[in-house]
Amino acid sequence: MNGCLRGLFRLVAFVLLLVGVALVWWYRAPLSQAVGRLIGKRDTALPPVAADSIGAPTPGALTSAQEKLQALGRARGPDSVILTANETASLVGTGIDWTVRRSFDSLRVELLDGVLAVHARLDTRLIPRDALGPLHGLLAEREPLRIAGPIVISRPGIARWTVKELSLRGIPFPPPAVRALARQAAGADSTGAVGIRVDPAIADARVHPRGLVLYRRHRA
């Protein structure tokens, strides 16, 4: 599962380079006034950590998540394991390449009905100033980023994560922009689905508000 979670953040590295260009292009009319008012009204708070559906990385949660994955891979292991939001967030936090991980902090993972959402505070100083154009000066040094979509196991060792939503400071990118970013950043298909390597022991996965369920056999 670590490979899957690392793959979620291929998009973040690409967003660092193209988020400014995309915002300027899709919100260009009238940019200087309308975007300024729009951004100024957005809530920049990240979702608070909750008991069930929203988690953050902790050392204890990382250890327990790794133990569950090891159990799933054993010949006589359980048919399924359930990762809590904290455990899922811990795997996400440790599975990201440092070149990408250093660009954001305050990681949150939100488990929704069939959707995994990742929240973080993005360091906009790492976005080239030229790419921001008229938006330069409107964004704070740290802005909330959200990426969300469903994850399914298409075959042993391969998962498909379909990027459905991407927003910066609460401003959603339009669906064509989300799909384009997914294709250019991670080789997604026309629907925005990205193929990601996962542990072959995981045959199926279900995202629920109370946990990420990983199965050793495919469920119909």
C-alpha atoms as a PDB file:
ATOM      1  CA  MET A   1       0.000   0.000   0.000  1.00  0.00           C
ATOM      2  CA  ASN A   2       2.959   2.332   0.489  1.00  0.00           C
ATOM      3  CA  GLY A   3       3.510   2.373  -3.266  1.00  0.00           C
ATOM      4  CA  CYS A   4      -0.098   3.378  -3.796  1.00  0.00           C
ATOM      5  CA  LEU A   5       0.083   6.208  -1.293  1.00  0.00           C
ATOM      6  CA  ARG A   6       3.349   7.478  -2.745  1.00  0.00           C
ATOM      7  CA  GLY A   7       1.714   7.618  -6.124  1.00  0.00           C
ATOM      8  CA  LEU A   8      -1.050   9.886  -4.853  1.00  0.00           C
ATOM      9  CA  PHE A   9       1.463  12.676  -4.583  1.00  0.00           C
ATOM     10  CA  ARG A  10       2.943  12.532  -8.061  1.00  0.00           C
ATOM     11  CA  LEU A  11       0.338  15.172  -8.777  1.00  0.00           C
ATOM     12  CA  VAL A  12       1.535  17.491  -6.028  1.00  0.00           C
ATOM     13  CA  ALA A  13       4.978  17.917  -7.573  1.00  0.00           C
ATOM     14  CA  PHE A  14       3.403  18.812 -10.893  1.00  0.00           C
ATOM     15  CA  VAL A  15       0.898  21.144  -9.239  1.00  0.00           C
ATOM     16  CA  LEU A  16       3.824  23.131  -7.800  1.00  0.00           C
ATOM     17  CA  LEU A  17       4.821  24.013 -11.364  1.00  0.00           C
ATOM     18  CA  LEU A  18       1.431  24.409 -13.047  1.00  0.00           C
ATOM     19  CA  VAL A  19      -1.045  25.557 -10.423  1.00  0.00           C
ATOM     20  CA  GLY A  20      -0.377  29.216 -11.132  1.00  0.00           C
ATOM     21  CA  VAL A  21      -0.665  28.769 -14.888  1.00  0.00           C
ATOM     22  CA  ALA A  22      -3.882  26.803 -14.542  1.00  0.00           C
ATOM     23  CA  LEU A  23      -5.498  29.350 -12.231  1.00  0.00           C
ATOM     24  CA  VAL A  24      -4.549  32.242 -14.496  1.00  0.00           C
ATOM     25  CA  TRP A  25      -5.931  30.415 -17.525  1.00  0.00           C
ATOM     26  CA  TRP A  26      -9.215  29.142 -16.134  1.00  0.00           C
ATOM     27  CA  TYR A  27      -9.964  32.189 -13.964  1.00  0.00           C
ATOM     28  CA  ARG A  28      -8.560  34.837 -16.261  1.00  0.00           C
ATOM     29  CA  ALA A  29     -11.665  36.982 -16.864  1.00  0.00           C
ATOM     30  CA  PRO A  30     -11.657  39.433 -15.151  1.00  0.00           C
ATOM     31  CA  LEU A  31      -8.600  38.222 -13.208  1.00  0.00           C
ATOM     32  CA  SER A  32      -7.244  41.192 -11.315  1.00  0.00           C
ATOM     33  CA  GLN A  33     -10.544  42.076  -9.558  1.00  0.00           C
ATOM     34  CA  ALA A  34     -12.729  38.974  -9.546  1.00  0.00           C
ATOM     35  CA  VAL A  35     -10.009  36.538  -8.462  1.00  0.00           C
ATOM     36  CA  GLY A  36      -8.821  38.912  -5.769  1.00  0.00           C
ATOM     37  CA  ARG A  37     -12.307  39.078  -4.269  1.00  0.00           C
ATOM     38  CA  LEU A  38     -12.838  35.335  -4.668  1.00  0.00           C
ATOM     39  CA  ILE A  39      -9.605  34.361  -2.966  1.00  0.00           C
ATOM     40  CA  GLY A  40     -10.065  36.858  -0.188  1.00  0.00           C
ATOM     41  CA  LYS A  41     -13.338  35.247   0.880  1.00  0.00           C
ATOM     42  CA  ARG A  42     -12.086  31.671   1.033  1.00  0.00           C
ATOM     43  CA  ASP A  43     -11.630  29.775   4.277  1.00  0.00           C
ATOM     44  CA  THR A  44      -7.995  28.708   4.636  1.00  0.00           C
ATOM     45  CA  ALA A  45      -8.456  26.414   7.645  1.00  0.00           C
ATOM     46  CA  LEU A  46      -7.631  22.730   7.265  1.00  0.00           C
ATOM     47  CA  PRO A  47     -10.198  20.227   8.572  1.00  0.00           C
ATOM     48  CA  PRO A  48      -9.608  19.349  12.238  1.00  0.00           C
ATOM     49  CA  VAL A  49      -8.538  15.837  13.145  1.00  0.00           C
ATOM     50  CA  ALA A  50     -11.616  13.832  14.143  1.00  0.00           C
ATOM     51  CA  ALA A  51     -12.068  10.505  15.867  1.00  0.00           C
ATOM     52  CA  ASP A  52     -13.030   8.566  12.751  1.00  0.00           C
ATOM     53  CA  SER A  53     -12.961  10.092   9.281  1.00  0.00           C
ATOM     54  CA  ILE A  54     -10.095  12.624   9.429  1.00  0.00           C
ATOM     55  CA  GLY A  55      -6.613  11.635  10.543  1.00  0.00           C
ATOM     56  CA  ALA A  56      -3.049  12.878  10.803  1.00  0.00           C
ATOM     57  CA  PRO A  57       0.281  10.995  10.937  1.00  0.00           C
ATOM     58  CA  THR A  58       1.520   9.693  14.286  1.00  0.00           C
ATOM     59  CA  PRO A  59       4.373   7.239  15.097  1.00  0.00           C
ATOM     60  CA  GLY A  60       2.000   4.839  16.813  1.00  0.00           C
ATOM     61  CA  ALA A  61      -0.435   4.817  13.917  1.00  0.00           C
ATOM     62  CA  LEU A  62       2.398   4.136  11.464  1.00  0.00           C
ATOM     63  CA  THR A  63       3.548   1.100  13.452  1.00  0.00           C
ATOM     64  CA  SER A  64       0.052  -0.364  13.708  1.00  0.00           C
ATOM     65  CA  ALA A  65      -0.624   0.239   9.985  1.00  0.00           C
ATOM     66  CA  GLN A  66       2.567  -1.590   9.000  1.00  0.00           C
ATOM     67  CA  GLU A  67       1.689  -4.497  11.270  1.00  0.00           C
ATOM     68  CA  LYS A  68      -1.743  -4.814   9.641  1.00  0.00           C
ATOM     69  CA  LEU A  69      -0.244  -4.839   6.148  1.00  0.00           C
ATOM     70  CA  GLN A  70       2.253  -7.512   7.179  1.00  0.00           C
ATOM     71  CA  ALA A  71      -0.582  -9.630   8.582  1.00  0.00           C
ATOM     72  CA  LEU A  72      -2.587  -9.306   5.370  1.00  0.00           C
ATOM     73  CA  GLY A  73       0.360 -10.621   3.371  1.00  0.00           C
ATOM     74  CA  ARG A  74       0.874 -13.751   5.502  1.00  0.00           C
ATOM     75  CA  ALA A  75      -0.352 -17.082   4.118  1.00  0.00           C
ATOM     76  CA  ARG A  76      -2.733 -17.583   7.039  1.00  0.00           C
ATOM     77  CA  GLY A  77      -3.422 -13.931   7.627  1.00  0.00           C
ATOM     78  CA  PRO A  78      -6.833 -12.271   7.933  1.00  0.00           C
ATOM     79  CA  ASP A  79      -9.169 -11.888   4.955  1.00  0.00           C
ATOM     80  CA  SER A  80      -9.155  -8.112   5.452  1.00  0.00           C
ATOM     81  CA  VAL A  81      -7.695  -5.332   7.575  1.00  0.00           C
ATOM     82  CA  ILE A  82      -9.066  -1.898   8.397  1.00  0.00           C
ATOM     83  CA  LEU A  83      -6.789   1.124   8.503  1.00  0.00           C
ATOM     84  CA  THR A  84      -7.975   4.064  10.572  1.00  0.00           C
ATOM     85  CA  ALA A  85      -7.724   7.615   9.261  1.00  0.00           C
ATOM     86  CA  ASN A  86      -4.586   8.147  11.382  1.00  0.00           C
ATOM     87  CA  GLU A  87      -3.017   4.935  10.064  1.00  0.00           C
ATOM     88  CA  THR A  88      -3.805   5.872   6.474  1.00  0.00           C
ATOM     89  CA  ALA A  89      -2.407   9.367   6.997  1.00  0.00           C
ATOM     90  CA  SER A  90       0.754   7.912   8.533  1.00  0.00           C
ATOM     91  CA  LEU A  91       1.373   5.721   5.486  1.00  0.00           C
ATOM     92  CA  VAL A  92       0.768   8.704   3.219  1.00  0.00           C
ATOM     93  CA  GLY A  93       3.174  10.871   5.200  1.00  0.00           C
ATOM     94  CA  THR A  94       6.001   8.348   5.178  1.00  0.00           C
ATOM     95  CA  GLY A  95       5.439   7.198   1.618  1.00  0.00           C
ATOM     96  CA  ILE A  96       5.980  10.525  -0.107  1.00  0.00           C
ATOM     97  CA  ASP A  97       9.322  11.398  -1.674  1.00  0.00           C
ATOM     98  CA  TRP A  98      11.032  14.173   0.293  1.00  0.00           C
ATOM     99  CA  THR A  99      11.285  16.411  -2.790  1.00  0.00           C
ATOM    100  CA  VAL A 100       7.493  16.538  -2.760  1.00  0.00           C
ATOM    101  CA  ARG A 101       6.903  16.181   0.993  1.00  0.00           C
ATOM    102  CA  ARG A 102       8.910  19.295   1.831  1.00  0.00           C
ATOM    103  CA  SER A 103       6.463  21.430  -0.144  1.00  0.00           C
ATOM    104  CA  PHE A 104       3.587  20.959   2.293  1.00  0.00           C
ATOM    105  CA  ASP A 105       2.790  20.364   5.939  1.00  0.00           C
ATOM    106  CA  SER A 106      -0.181  19.844   8.274  1.00  0.00           C
ATOM    107  CA  LEU A 107      -1.140  16.675   6.417  1.00  0.00           C
ATOM    108  CA  ARG A 108      -4.702  15.438   6.811  1.00  0.00           C
ATOM    109  CA  VAL A 109      -6.362  12.391   5.273  1.00  0.00           C
ATOM    110  CA  GLU A 110     -10.145  12.354   5.067  1.00  0.00           C
ATOM    111  CA  LEU A 111     -12.004   9.078   4.544  1.00  0.00           C
ATOM    112  CA  LEU A 112     -15.283   9.606   2.738  1.00  0.00           C
ATOM    113  CA  ASP A 113     -17.829   7.245   1.219  1.00  0.00           C
ATOM    114  CA  GLY A 114     -15.787   5.701  -1.585  1.00  0.00           C
ATOM    115  CA  VAL A 115     -13.381   8.646  -1.757  1.00  0.00           C
ATOM    116  CA  LEU A 116      -9.976   9.340  -0.223  1.00  0.00           C
ATOM    117  CA  ALA A 117      -9.245  13.046   0.193  1.00  0.00           C
ATOM    118  CA  VAL A 118      -5.804  14.418   1.081  1.00  0.00           C
ATOM    119  CA  HIS A 119      -5.503  17.888   2.614  1.00  0.00           C
ATOM    120  CA  ALA A 120      -2.248  19.760   3.185  1.00  0.00           C
ATOM    121  CA  ARG A 121      -0.896  23.272   3.453  1.00  0.00           C
ATOM    122  CA  LEU A 122       1.094  23.961   0.287  1.00  0.00           C
ATOM    123  CA  ASP A 123       4.227  26.119   0.308  1.00  0.00           C
ATOM    124  CA  THR A 124       3.448  28.526  -2.543  1.00  0.00           C
ATOM    125  CA  ARG A 125       6.981  29.928  -2.358  1.00  0.00           C
ATOM    126  CA  LEU A 126       8.065  26.841  -4.290  1.00  0.00           C
ATOM    127  CA  ILE A 127       5.846  27.825  -7.235  1.00  0.00           C
ATOM    128  CA  PRO A 128       7.825  29.869  -9.818  1.00  0.00           C
ATOM    129  CA  ARG A 129       6.870  33.543  -9.552  1.00  0.00           C
ATOM    130  CA  ASP A 130       6.542  33.851 -13.299  1.00  0.00           C
ATOM    131  CA  ALA A 131       3.966  31.068 -13.322  1.00  0.00           C
ATOM    132  CA  LEU A 132       1.689  32.944 -10.920  1.00  0.00           C
ATOM    133  CA  GLY A 133       1.463  36.037 -13.101  1.00  0.00           C
ATOM    134  CA  PRO A 134      -1.216  38.433 -11.750  1.00  0.00           C
ATOM    135  CA  LEU A 135      -1.845  36.073  -8.842  1.00  0.00           C
ATOM    136  CA  HIS A 136       1.542  36.864  -7.327  1.00  0.00           C
ATOM    137  CA  GLY A 137       0.950  38.661  -4.053  1.00  0.00           C
ATOM    138  CA  LEU A 138      -2.608  37.336  -3.670  1.00  0.00           C
ATOM    139  CA  LEU A 139      -1.570  33.974  -2.257  1.00  0.00           C
ATOM    140  CA  ALA A 140      -0.152  33.533   1.222  1.00  0.00           C
ATOM    141  CA  GLU A 141       3.081  31.611   1.812  1.00  0.00           C
ATOM    142  CA  ARG A 142       1.032  28.581   2.881  1.00  0.00           C
ATOM    143  CA  GLU A 143      -2.251  27.758   1.171  1.00  0.00           C
ATOM    144  CA  PRO A 144      -4.574  24.770   1.728  1.00  0.00           C
ATOM    145  CA  LEU A 145      -4.526  22.149  -1.024  1.00  0.00           C
ATOM    146  CA  ARG A 146      -7.056  19.324  -1.445  1.00  0.00           C
ATOM    147  CA  ILE A 147      -6.879  16.331  -3.789  1.00  0.00           C
ATOM    148  CA  ALA A 148      -9.619  13.700  -3.785  1.00  0.00           C
ATOM    149  CA  GLY A 149     -10.865  10.671  -5.677  1.00  0.00           C
ATOM    150  CA  PRO A 150     -11.772   6.981  -5.425  1.00  0.00           C
ATOM    151  CA  ILE A 151      -9.232   4.140  -5.313  1.00  0.00           C
ATOM    152  CA  VAL A 152      -9.859   0.673  -6.715  1.00  0.00           C
ATOM    153  CA  ILE A 153      -7.611  -2.364  -7.216  1.00  0.00           C
ATOM    154  CA  SER A 154      -7.784  -3.212 -10.926  1.00  0.00           C
ATOM    155  CA  ARG A 155      -5.594  -6.321 -10.657  1.00  0.00           C
ATOM    156  CA  PRO A 156      -3.044  -7.735  -8.174  1.00  0.00           C
ATOM    157  CA  GLY A 157      -0.287  -5.198  -7.692  1.00  0.00           C
ATOM    158  CA  ILE A 158      -2.054  -2.371  -9.562  1.00  0.00           C
ATOM    159  CA  ALA A 159      -4.499   0.191  -8.186  1.00  0.00           C
ATOM    160  CA  ARG A 160      -6.354   2.933 -10.047  1.00  0.00           C
ATOM    161  CA  TRP A 161      -6.756   6.275  -8.315  1.00  0.00           C
ATOM    162  CA  THR A 162      -9.157   8.533 -10.213  1.00  0.00           C
ATOM    163  CA  VAL A 163      -8.560  12.203  -9.472  1.00  0.00           C
ATOM    164  CA  LYS A 164     -11.979  13.827  -9.320  1.00  0.00           C
ATOM    165  CA  GLU A 165     -11.298  16.973  -7.290  1.00  0.00           C
ATOM    166  CA  LEU A 166      -8.378  19.370  -6.869  1.00  0.00           C
ATOM    167  CA  SER A 167      -8.641  22.726  -5.155  1.00  0.00           C
ATOM    168  CA  LEU A 168      -6.293  25.388  -3.834  1.00  0.00           C
ATOM    169  CA  ARG A 169      -7.481  27.638  -0.987  1.00  0.00           C
ATOM    170  CA  GLY A 170     -10.970  26.308  -1.538  1.00  0.00           C
ATOM    171  CA  ILE A 171     -10.978  27.307  -5.211  1.00  0.00           C
ATOM    172  CA  PRO A 172     -11.841  24.180  -7.218  1.00  0.00           C
ATOM    173  CA  PHE A 173     -10.154  23.476 -10.518  1.00  0.00           C
ATOM    174  CA  PRO A 174     -12.704  22.742 -13.253  1.00  0.00           C
ATOM    175  CA  PRO A 175     -12.972  19.041 -14.253  1.00  0.00           C
ATOM    176  CA  PRO A 176     -11.109  19.484 -17.580  1.00  0.00           C
ATOM    177  CA  ALA A 177      -8.176  21.047 -15.717  1.00  0.00           C
ATOM    178  CA  VAL A 178      -8.145  18.245 -13.120  1.00  0.00           C
ATOM    179  CA  ARG A 179      -8.077  15.573 -15.822  1.00  0.00           C
ATOM    180  CA  ALA A 180      -5.382  17.428 -17.760  1.00  0.00           C
ATOM    181  CA  LEU A 181      -3.174  17.738 -14.675  1.00  0.00           C
ATOM    182  CA  ALA A 182      -3.628  14.034 -13.916  1.00  0.00           C
ATOM    183  CA  ARG A 183      -2.694  13.055 -17.472  1.00  0.00           C
ATOM    184  CA  GLN A 184       0.364  15.291 -17.640  1.00  0.00           C
ATOM    185  CA  ALA A 185       1.562  14.616 -14.104  1.00  0.00           C
ATOM    186  CA  ALA A 186       1.076  10.890 -13.752  1.00  0.00           C
ATOM    187  CA  GLY A 187       0.121   9.421 -17.107  1.00  0.00           C
ATOM    188  CA  ALA A 188      -3.574   9.152 -16.276  1.00  0.00           C
ATOM    189  CA  ASP A 189      -6.064   8.006 -18.876  1.00  0.00           C
ATOM    190  CA  SER A 190      -8.799  10.198 -20.336  1.00  0.00           C
ATOM    191  CA  THR A 191     -10.965   9.735 -17.223  1.00  0.00           C
ATOM    192  CA  GLY A 192      -8.194  10.932 -14.904  1.00  0.00           C
ATOM    193  CA  ALA A 193      -7.399   7.457 -13.527  1.00  0.00           C
ATOM    194  CA  VAL A 194      -3.770   6.875 -12.531  1.00  0.00           C
ATOM    195  CA  GLY A 195      -2.257   3.383 -12.434  1.00  0.00           C
ATOM    196  CA  ILE A 196      -0.265   2.872  -9.208  1.00  0.00           C
ATOM    197  CA  ARG A 197       1.741  -0.096  -7.891  1.00  0.00           C
ATOM    198  CA  VAL A 198       0.486  -1.622  -4.640  1.00  0.00           C
ATOM    199  CA  ASP A 199       1.273  -4.630  -2.471  1.00  0.00           C
ATOM    200  CA  PRO A 200       0.126  -7.737  -4.411  1.00  0.00           C
ATOM    201  CA  ALA A 201      -1.499  -9.023  -1.215  1.00  0.00           C
ATOM    202  CA  ILE A 202      -4.173  -6.327  -1.613  1.00  0.00           C
ATOM    203  CA  ALA A 203      -6.854  -7.643  -3.967  1.00  0.00           C
ATOM    204  CA  ASP A 204      -9.534  -5.072  -3.200  1.00  0.00           C
ATOM    205  CA  ALA A 205     -10.036  -1.851  -1.262  1.00  0.00           C
ATOM    206  CA  ARG A 206     -13.004   0.091   0.044  1.00  0.00           C
ATOM    207  CA  VAL A 207     -12.964   3.587   1.509  1.00  0.00           C
ATOM    208  CA  HIS A 208     -15.477   4.255   4.273  1.00  0.00           C
ATOM    209  CA  PRO A 209     -15.771   7.179   6.691  1.00  0.00           C
ATOM    210  CA  ARG A 210     -14.709   4.836   9.535  1.00  0.00           C
ATOM    211  CA  GLY A 211     -11.744   3.213   7.829  1.00  0.00           C
ATOM    212  CA  LEU A 212      -9.875   2.104   4.716  1.00  0.00           C
ATOM    213  CA  VAL A 213     -10.653  -1.599   4.273  1.00  0.00           C
ATOM    214  CA  LEU A 214      -8.057  -3.718   2.440  1.00  0.00           C
ATOM    215  CA  TYR A 215      -8.998  -7.226   1.294  1.00  0.00           C
ATOM    216  CA  ARG A 216      -6.845 -10.181   0.273  1.00  0.00           C
ATOM    217  CA  ARG A 217      -9.543 -11.401  -2.129  1.00  0.00           C
ATOM    218  CA  HIS A 218     -11.552  -9.509  -4.707  1.00  0.00           C
ATOM    219  CA  ARG A 219     -15.106  -8.675  -3.697  1.00  0.00           C
ATOM    220  CA  ALA A 220     -17.889  -8.712  -6.292  1.00  0.00           C
END
